[in-house]
Protein backbone atom coordinates (compact mmCIF):
# COMPACT_ATOMS: atom_id res chain seq x y z
CA MET A 1 -6.85 22.59 -8.32
CA LYS A 2 -10.33 21.15 -8.38
CA ALA A 3 -12.08 19.15 -5.68
CA HIS A 4 -15.44 17.49 -6.19
CA ALA A 5 -17.49 16.85 -2.96
CA THR A 6 -20.18 14.16 -3.44
CA ALA A 7 -22.55 12.15 -1.14
CA SER A 8 -23.52 8.44 -1.20
CA ASN A 9 -24.47 8.28 -5.01
CA LEU A 10 -20.92 7.27 -6.32
CA THR A 11 -20.55 6.03 -9.84
CA ARG A 12 -18.99 2.73 -10.14
CA PRO A 13 -16.45 2.46 -12.94
CA LYS A 14 -17.43 0.22 -15.87
CA ARG A 15 -15.55 -3.04 -15.82
CA ALA A 16 -12.95 -3.14 -18.68
CA GLY A 17 -13.23 -6.09 -20.98
CA LEU A 18 -11.02 -9.08 -19.73
CA GLU A 19 -8.58 -10.23 -22.27
CA PRO A 20 -8.44 -13.84 -23.14
CA LEU A 21 -5.91 -15.82 -21.18
CA ARG A 22 -2.68 -16.87 -22.89
CA ARG A 23 -1.99 -20.61 -23.01
CA ILE A 24 1.48 -21.05 -21.49
CA PRO A 25 3.44 -24.00 -23.03
CA ALA A 26 4.08 -27.00 -20.74
CA THR A 27 7.96 -26.56 -21.32
CA ALA A 28 8.45 -22.73 -21.21
CA PRO A 29 11.67 -21.41 -22.31
CA GLN A 30 14.36 -21.07 -19.65
CA GLU A 31 14.58 -17.28 -20.14
CA ALA A 32 10.86 -16.84 -19.29
CA LEU A 33 11.39 -18.60 -15.99
CA ALA A 34 14.38 -16.31 -15.01
CA GLU A 35 13.55 -14.19 -12.00
CA PRO A 36 13.27 -10.46 -13.15
CA THR A 37 14.02 -7.51 -10.94
CA LEU A 38 10.79 -5.81 -9.88
CA PHE A 39 10.77 -2.06 -10.06
CA CYS A 40 7.09 -2.55 -9.08
CA PRO A 41 5.16 -0.80 -6.23
CA GLY A 42 4.50 -4.24 -4.73
CA PRO A 43 5.35 -7.15 -4.98
CA VAL A 44 8.89 -6.18 -4.62
CA THR A 45 12.24 -7.91 -5.05
CA THR A 46 13.05 -9.78 -1.87
CA SER A 47 16.33 -10.37 -0.33
CA ALA A 48 17.92 -13.75 -0.03
CA ARG A 49 17.17 -13.92 3.65
CA VAL A 50 13.50 -13.41 3.03
CA LYS A 51 13.50 -15.85 0.15
CA GLN A 52 15.21 -18.53 2.30
CA ALA A 53 12.47 -17.86 5.00
CA LEU A 54 9.76 -18.78 2.49
CA THR A 55 11.13 -22.32 1.92
CA ARG A 56 13.34 -23.36 5.01
CA VAL A 57 10.53 -24.96 7.20
CA ASP A 58 7.01 -26.30 7.16
CA LEU A 59 4.88 -24.93 9.75
CA SER A 60 1.38 -25.65 11.17
CA HIS A 61 -0.44 -22.47 11.98
CA ARG A 62 -1.91 -24.46 15.07
CA ASP A 63 1.64 -25.19 16.32
CA SER A 64 3.45 -23.29 19.10
CA ALA A 65 6.26 -22.58 16.76
CA PHE A 66 4.12 -20.45 14.48
CA GLU A 67 2.42 -18.78 17.54
CA THR A 68 6.08 -17.68 18.45
CA VAL A 69 6.56 -16.20 14.84
CA LEU A 70 3.09 -14.55 14.83
CA ALA A 71 3.69 -12.97 18.25
CA ARG A 72 7.11 -11.73 17.02
CA VAL A 73 5.63 -10.15 13.96
CA VAL A 74 2.98 -8.47 15.90
CA ALA A 75 5.67 -7.05 18.37
CA ARG A 76 7.76 -5.79 15.39
CA LEU A 77 4.85 -4.10 13.48
CA LYS A 78 3.99 -2.25 16.65
CA HIS A 79 7.49 -0.94 16.97
CA VAL A 80 7.86 0.04 13.30
CA ALA A 81 4.34 1.88 13.44
CA ASN A 82 4.97 3.19 16.97
CA ALA A 83 1.68 1.72 17.93
CA PRO A 84 2.12 1.15 21.82
CA ASP A 85 -1.52 0.91 22.85
CA HIS A 86 -3.07 -0.74 19.92
CA ASP A 87 -3.76 -4.21 18.50
CA VAL A 88 -2.17 -5.59 15.54
CA LEU A 89 -4.19 -8.16 13.60
CA VAL A 90 -2.52 -10.24 10.93
CA LEU A 91 -4.65 -11.92 8.16
CA GLY A 92 -4.17 -13.73 5.00
CA GLY A 93 -4.90 -11.85 1.79
CA GLY A 94 -3.76 -8.54 0.30
CA ALA A 95 -4.09 -4.92 1.39
CA THR A 96 -7.66 -4.98 -0.11
CA ALA A 97 -8.84 -7.56 2.09
CA ALA A 98 -7.51 -5.86 5.22
CA THR A 99 -8.92 -2.50 4.15
CA GLU A 100 -12.50 -4.23 3.69
CA ALA A 101 -12.02 -5.95 7.20
CA ALA A 102 -11.19 -2.77 8.90
CA LEU A 103 -14.26 -0.82 7.36
CA SER A 104 -16.71 -3.79 7.77
CA THR A 105 -15.56 -4.12 11.37
CA PHE A 106 -15.58 -0.65 12.61
CA VAL A 107 -18.01 1.32 10.53
CA SER A 108 -21.78 0.55 10.48
CA THR A 109 -24.30 1.24 7.69
CA ASP A 110 -25.64 4.00 10.00
CA ASP A 111 -22.35 5.88 10.14
CA ARG A 112 -21.42 8.24 7.39
CA MET A 113 -17.84 8.23 6.18
CA LEU A 114 -15.96 10.89 4.46
CA VAL A 115 -13.35 9.75 1.85
CA VAL A 116 -10.61 12.08 0.77
CA SER A 117 -8.89 10.92 -2.31
CA ASN A 118 -6.56 12.28 -4.93
CA GLY A 119 -5.74 8.96 -6.69
CA ALA A 120 -6.75 5.46 -7.52
CA PHE A 121 -6.55 3.95 -4.10
CA GLY A 122 -8.39 6.55 -2.32
CA GLU A 123 -11.06 6.19 -4.84
CA ARG A 124 -11.00 2.33 -4.28
CA ILE A 125 -11.77 3.04 -0.41
CA ALA A 126 -14.82 4.94 -1.52
CA GLU A 127 -16.01 2.33 -3.80
CA MET A 128 -15.40 -0.45 -1.05
CA ALA A 129 -17.42 1.58 1.62
CA GLU A 130 -20.26 1.84 -0.84
CA CYS A 131 -20.07 -1.96 -1.54
CA LEU A 132 -20.34 -2.32 2.37
CA GLY A 133 -23.48 -0.18 2.35
CA ILE A 134 -21.67 2.55 4.44
CA PRO A 135 -23.10 6.25 3.43
CA VAL A 136 -20.20 8.08 1.74
CA SER A 137 -19.15 11.57 1.32
CA HIS A 138 -16.49 11.98 -1.00
CA LEU A 139 -13.94 14.94 -1.14
CA ARG A 140 -12.65 13.93 -4.48
CA TYR A 141 -9.59 15.91 -5.98
CA ASP A 142 -8.28 15.56 -9.43
CA TRP A 143 -5.37 13.08 -9.48
CA GLY A 144 -2.22 14.47 -8.00
CA GLU A 145 -3.77 17.51 -6.50
CA PRO A 146 -2.87 18.26 -2.84
CA VAL A 147 -5.29 17.92 -0.20
CA VAL A 148 -6.78 21.29 1.23
CA LEU A 149 -6.99 21.18 4.99
CA GLU A 150 -9.80 23.97 5.02
CA GLN A 151 -11.89 21.91 2.61
CA VAL A 152 -11.74 18.76 4.73
CA GLU A 153 -12.72 21.03 7.79
CA GLY A 154 -15.62 22.52 5.70
CA MET A 155 -17.01 19.04 4.83
CA LEU A 156 -16.94 18.13 8.55
CA ASP A 157 -18.42 21.36 9.70
CA GLY A 158 -21.32 20.93 6.99
CA ASP A 159 -22.23 17.51 8.03
CA PRO A 160 -22.23 16.48 11.52
CA ARG A 161 -23.47 12.96 10.38
CA ILE A 162 -19.89 11.98 9.54
CA LYS A 163 -18.49 9.69 12.04
CA ALA A 164 -15.40 8.42 10.13
CA VAL A 165 -12.80 9.64 7.80
CA ALA A 166 -10.55 7.69 5.46
CA MET A 167 -7.64 8.59 3.14
CA VAL A 168 -4.40 7.22 1.87
CA HIS A 169 -1.02 8.13 3.03
CA HIS A 170 1.10 7.27 0.18
CA GLU A 171 -1.21 7.60 -2.92
CA THR A 172 0.73 5.02 -4.90
CA SER A 173 -0.89 5.71 -8.31
CA ILE A 174 0.64 9.39 -8.37
CA GLY A 175 3.63 8.98 -5.89
CA ARG A 176 2.14 11.53 -3.64
CA ILE A 177 2.39 11.70 0.25
CA ASN A 178 -0.81 13.15 1.81
CA PRO A 179 -0.86 15.20 4.98
CA ILE A 180 -2.30 12.42 7.25
CA ASN A 181 -0.84 14.06 10.52
CA GLU A 182 -2.47 17.48 9.69
CA VAL A 183 -5.82 15.71 8.89
CA GLY A 184 -5.56 13.79 12.23
CA ARG A 185 -5.09 17.16 14.17
CA ILE A 186 -8.26 18.34 12.71
CA LEU A 187 -10.35 15.05 13.59
CA ALA A 188 -8.91 14.43 17.14
CA PRO A 189 -11.00 16.95 19.02
CA ARG A 190 -14.11 16.01 16.99
CA HIS A 191 -13.76 12.34 18.04
CA ILE A 192 -14.13 11.15 14.49
CA ARG A 193 -12.74 7.67 13.74
CA TYR A 194 -9.79 7.96 11.28
CA PHE A 195 -8.78 5.20 9.00
CA VAL A 196 -5.35 5.52 7.08
CA ASP A 197 -4.07 3.36 4.36
CA ILE A 198 -0.24 2.97 5.17
CA VAL A 199 0.12 0.12 2.62
CA SER A 200 2.81 1.75 0.50
CA SER A 201 4.40 3.95 3.24
CA LEU A 202 5.10 2.00 6.38
CA GLY A 203 8.83 0.84 6.62
CA ALA A 204 10.32 3.95 4.59
CA GLU A 205 7.99 7.04 4.48
CA GLU A 206 7.59 8.89 7.59
CA PHE A 207 4.79 7.47 9.74
CA ASP A 208 4.02 7.40 13.39
CA MET A 209 0.73 5.92 14.63
CA VAL A 210 0.74 8.31 17.78
CA ARG A 211 1.69 11.54 15.78
CA SER A 212 -0.93 10.74 13.17
CA ARG A 213 -3.92 10.26 15.71
CA ALA A 214 -5.00 7.50 13.32
CA THR A 215 -7.79 5.24 14.88
CA VAL A 216 -7.06 2.43 12.27
CA VAL A 217 -4.40 1.87 9.90
CA ILE A 218 -4.02 -0.75 7.05
CA GLY A 219 -0.74 -2.18 5.81
CA SER A 220 0.68 -4.91 3.68
CA ALA A 221 3.93 -7.15 3.85
CA ASN A 222 4.99 -6.86 0.19
CA LYS A 223 5.77 -3.05 -0.20
CA CYS A 224 8.43 -1.06 1.89
CA LEU A 225 8.61 -3.74 4.53
CA HIS A 226 10.09 -5.95 1.89
CA GLY A 227 7.91 -9.06 2.60
CA VAL A 228 5.96 -11.10 0.06
CA ALA A 229 2.36 -10.83 -1.17
CA GLY A 230 -0.23 -12.96 0.80
CA THR A 231 -0.48 -11.33 4.17
CA ALA A 232 -1.70 -7.97 5.44
CA PHE A 233 -2.52 -6.43 8.65
CA VAL A 234 -4.75 -3.81 10.58
CA ILE A 235 -3.65 -1.73 13.64
CA ALA A 236 -6.38 -0.49 15.61
CA ARG A 237 -6.55 1.55 18.70
CA ARG A 238 -7.89 -0.47 21.70
CA ASP A 239 -10.67 1.83 22.91
CA LEU A 240 -12.14 1.25 19.53
CA TRP A 241 -13.60 -2.17 20.31
CA GLU A 242 -16.06 -0.74 22.84
CA GLU A 243 -16.83 2.39 20.83
CA THR A 244 -17.78 0.29 17.75
CA SER A 245 -19.46 -2.78 19.65
CA HIS A 246 -22.78 -1.89 17.78
CA VAL A 247 -21.32 -2.77 14.31
CA ARG A 248 -22.67 -5.88 13.16
CA PRO A 249 -20.17 -7.98 11.06
CA ARG A 250 -20.62 -8.32 7.40
CA SER A 251 -18.17 -11.17 6.81
CA MET A 252 -17.16 -13.99 8.68
CA TYR A 253 -13.52 -14.20 7.39
CA LEU A 254 -13.01 -10.43 7.60
CA ASP A 255 -14.50 -10.01 10.96
CA LEU A 256 -11.44 -8.64 13.02
CA ARG A 257 -13.45 -9.38 16.31
CA ARG A 258 -12.76 -12.96 15.65
CA TYR A 259 -9.00 -12.29 15.01
CA ARG A 260 -8.73 -10.21 18.31
CA ALA A 261 -10.46 -12.92 20.28
CA SER A 262 -8.49 -15.86 18.88
CA TYR A 263 -5.26 -13.99 19.60
CA LYS A 264 -6.30 -13.49 23.21
CA GLU A 265 -7.43 -16.94 23.71
CA THR A 266 -5.02 -19.00 21.78
CA GLY A 267 -2.26 -16.81 20.20
CA GLN A 268 -3.30 -17.92 16.79
CA THR A 269 -5.34 -16.64 13.99
CA PRO A 270 -8.88 -17.86 13.63
CA PHE A 271 -8.53 -19.15 10.01
CA THR A 272 -5.58 -20.37 8.17
CA PRO A 273 -3.15 -17.51 7.38
CA SER A 274 -0.52 -17.45 4.52
CA VAL A 275 2.07 -19.25 6.79
CA PRO A 276 4.96 -18.80 4.66
CA ALA A 277 4.17 -15.24 3.96
CA VAL A 278 4.10 -14.55 7.74
CA VAL A 279 7.37 -16.23 8.25
CA ALA A 280 8.95 -14.14 5.38
CA LEU A 281 7.38 -11.03 7.00
CA ASP A 282 9.15 -11.93 10.24
CA ALA A 283 12.52 -12.14 8.45
CA ALA A 284 11.95 -8.85 6.52
CA LEU A 285 11.08 -7.06 9.75
CA GLU A 286 14.13 -8.43 11.42
CA GLU A 287 16.19 -7.36 8.41
CA LEU A 288 14.60 -3.88 8.75
CA GLU A 289 15.60 -3.63 12.33
CA ARG A 290 19.20 -4.78 11.65
CA ASP A 291 19.46 -2.32 8.78
CA GLY A 292 18.63 0.64 11.06
CA GLY A 293 14.77 0.91 10.93
CA PRO A 294 12.57 2.97 8.80
CA ALA A 295 14.86 6.22 9.12
CA ALA A 296 17.63 4.19 7.60
CA ARG A 297 15.58 2.74 4.91
CA ARG A 298 14.14 6.14 3.92
CA ALA A 299 17.54 7.52 3.55
CA SER A 300 18.42 4.60 1.34
CA TYR A 301 15.30 4.95 -0.57
CA GLN A 302 15.82 8.77 -1.25
CA ALA A 303 19.17 8.01 -2.72
CA LEU A 304 17.88 5.41 -5.07
CA ASN A 305 14.79 7.65 -5.87
CA SER A 306 16.91 10.67 -6.78
CA ARG A 307 19.17 8.42 -8.95
CA ILE A 308 16.14 7.10 -10.79
CA ARG A 309 14.74 10.59 -11.24
CA SER A 310 17.88 12.17 -12.29
CA GLY A 311 18.51 9.40 -14.71
CA LEU A 312 15.15 9.51 -16.48
CA SER A 313 15.31 13.22 -16.47
CA ARG A 314 18.66 13.33 -18.32
CA MET A 315 17.20 10.93 -20.86
CA GLY A 316 14.54 13.63 -21.51
CA LEU A 317 11.47 11.72 -19.95
CA LYS A 318 9.04 13.99 -18.11
CA LEU A 319 8.24 13.19 -14.57
CA ARG A 320 4.70 13.20 -13.50
CA TRP A 321 3.73 14.99 -10.21
CA ASP A 322 7.23 15.46 -9.35
CA ALA A 323 6.85 18.06 -6.73
CA HIS A 324 6.95 18.76 -3.04
CA GLY A 325 5.29 15.94 -1.15
CA SER A 326 6.47 13.37 -3.56
CA ALA A 327 7.24 9.87 -2.12
CA VAL A 328 10.66 8.56 -1.79
CA SER A 329 9.80 5.37 -3.04
CA LEU A 330 7.89 5.83 -6.35
CA THR A 331 8.39 7.78 -9.60
CA VAL A 332 5.70 8.27 -12.36
CA ALA A 333 7.45 9.01 -15.65
CA GLN A 334 6.55 9.51 -19.33
CA LEU A 335 7.07 6.62 -21.75
CA PRO A 336 9.90 7.00 -24.27
CA PRO A 337 8.43 8.64 -27.54
CA GLY A 338 6.89 6.48 -29.95
CA LEU A 339 6.47 3.49 -27.57
CA THR A 340 3.20 1.94 -26.03
CA PHE A 341 3.44 0.68 -22.60
CA ASN A 342 2.93 -2.82 -23.76
CA THR A 343 6.05 -2.67 -26.17
CA PHE A 344 8.09 -0.85 -23.49
CA TYR A 345 7.11 -3.45 -20.78
CA GLU A 346 8.04 -6.47 -23.01
CA ASP A 347 11.31 -4.98 -24.08
CA LEU A 348 12.20 -4.19 -20.35
CA ARG A 349 11.20 -7.60 -19.34
CA ALA A 350 13.32 -9.31 -21.84
CA ARG A 351 16.28 -7.34 -20.18
CA GLY A 352 15.21 -8.52 -16.69
CA TYR A 353 13.30 -5.63 -15.37
CA LEU A 354 9.46 -5.15 -14.61
CA VAL A 355 7.53 -1.97 -14.15
CA TYR A 356 3.86 -0.99 -13.81
CA GLN A 357 1.75 0.85 -16.36
CA GLY A 358 0.56 4.38 -15.25
CA LYS A 359 -3.00 4.79 -13.94
CA GLY A 360 -5.81 6.83 -14.48
CA PRO A 361 -5.37 10.02 -16.62
CA VAL A 362 -1.81 8.92 -17.59
CA SER A 363 -2.35 5.33 -18.26
CA HIS A 364 -1.78 5.92 -21.97
CA ASP A 365 1.68 7.40 -21.80
CA SER A 366 3.45 6.91 -18.27
CA PHE A 367 4.86 4.08 -16.27
CA LEU A 368 5.41 3.69 -12.54
CA VAL A 369 8.89 2.75 -11.40
CA ALA A 370 9.29 2.01 -7.69
CA ASN A 371 12.44 1.60 -5.72
CA MET A 372 11.05 -0.54 -2.94
CA GLY A 373 12.49 -3.87 -2.18
CA ALA A 374 16.11 -5.28 -2.18
CA LEU A 375 17.54 -2.82 -4.69
CA ASP A 376 20.89 -1.00 -4.85
CA ALA A 377 22.68 1.64 -6.85
CA ALA A 378 24.18 -0.77 -9.43
CA THR A 379 20.77 -2.41 -10.08
CA VAL A 380 19.24 0.91 -10.55
CA ASP A 381 21.92 1.79 -13.03
CA GLY A 382 21.29 -1.37 -14.87
CA PHE A 383 17.53 -0.48 -15.08
CA LEU A 384 18.26 3.02 -16.44
CA ASP A 385 20.71 1.58 -19.19
CA ALA A 386 17.80 -0.76 -20.08
CA VAL A 387 15.33 2.18 -20.42
CA ALA A 388 17.61 4.17 -22.47
CA GLU A 389 18.34 1.03 -24.80
CA VAL A 390 14.81 0.19 -25.13
CA GLY A 391 13.74 3.96 -25.75
CA GLY A 392 16.52 4.84 -27.86
CA LEU A 393 17.46 7.53 -25.53
CA PRO A 394 20.78 9.21 -24.38
CA ARG A 395 22.32 7.83 -21.23
CA TYR A 396 24.51 10.46 -19.81
């Protein structure tokens, strides 16, 4: 296990060269327009109910009908996250926008932040904080390595300037669940603001806002909640507003104080949200409640995840970071021998399934397969059959 502690002088990764855009024919073949099944860690395959919610009605975000939907989404998110004494703020954009909103609203350029990372999305938080002018200390582990609580304590003891800590719950690049509750217990008596990315965990992985002692969490509609891309949210403890009143906003659109004021005054968002995505999230959250809540979804995910892991292993494909602490919603697997990711992706796509390329140190020989979204055992079996066919592998 290796951990690398650094201060503000983070090195930004070089931008990879951009590939030229491919021109799509005006009359694309019908098969190219067919809806694939998404085994991606967001966006996910949605249910018929959520799809219908996207298109069944036109709403104005300034009308009382949308205010009702928004209030219902806020109440349902509070319930799913167990956030009784918190504000839920919904905004248009992805989880990256919501994370930047949270950091820029609640952390000043005079507050040092400790970022704990063991994968791509923790490292993204560190880069984002640096872009916002926040002094950063970075406890950076090799990808997939577990977080060592004693090292977190050591960083805090060694630098009293640290006023905030940020980490990812489900580090999606490696499929690992990080010990957010244990870190929360360390931070609570020190009165350090605690930011947790629950983007790929809320709705299926075990999460409780109160138990985690998180000050702020960031989530997205289009992962384990089974909504669609285009809307995200921040959940913040109510006493944080006064505590961080000294923080000057660095953005108009991402200033969460505007959102809170608008909610309180009008029941509306201050800017135009992704109305269809919010309506779809409302339908998805209702579906989650009807199906038994996060505990029931977790059990369903666990069964599908075990089916995927078992099937890939029987084909002889190595599973990466397959150890205690793995997520129930994601598997990182070795590519079939002799195949590049692009070949594997296109051949799977032709059979109606989409996966993601592995990230970071395993980007050259691995793929991510998520069992988020409206999937069932028969769909998983069809996917496994396709992987075996594409890779020329045995399917037992």
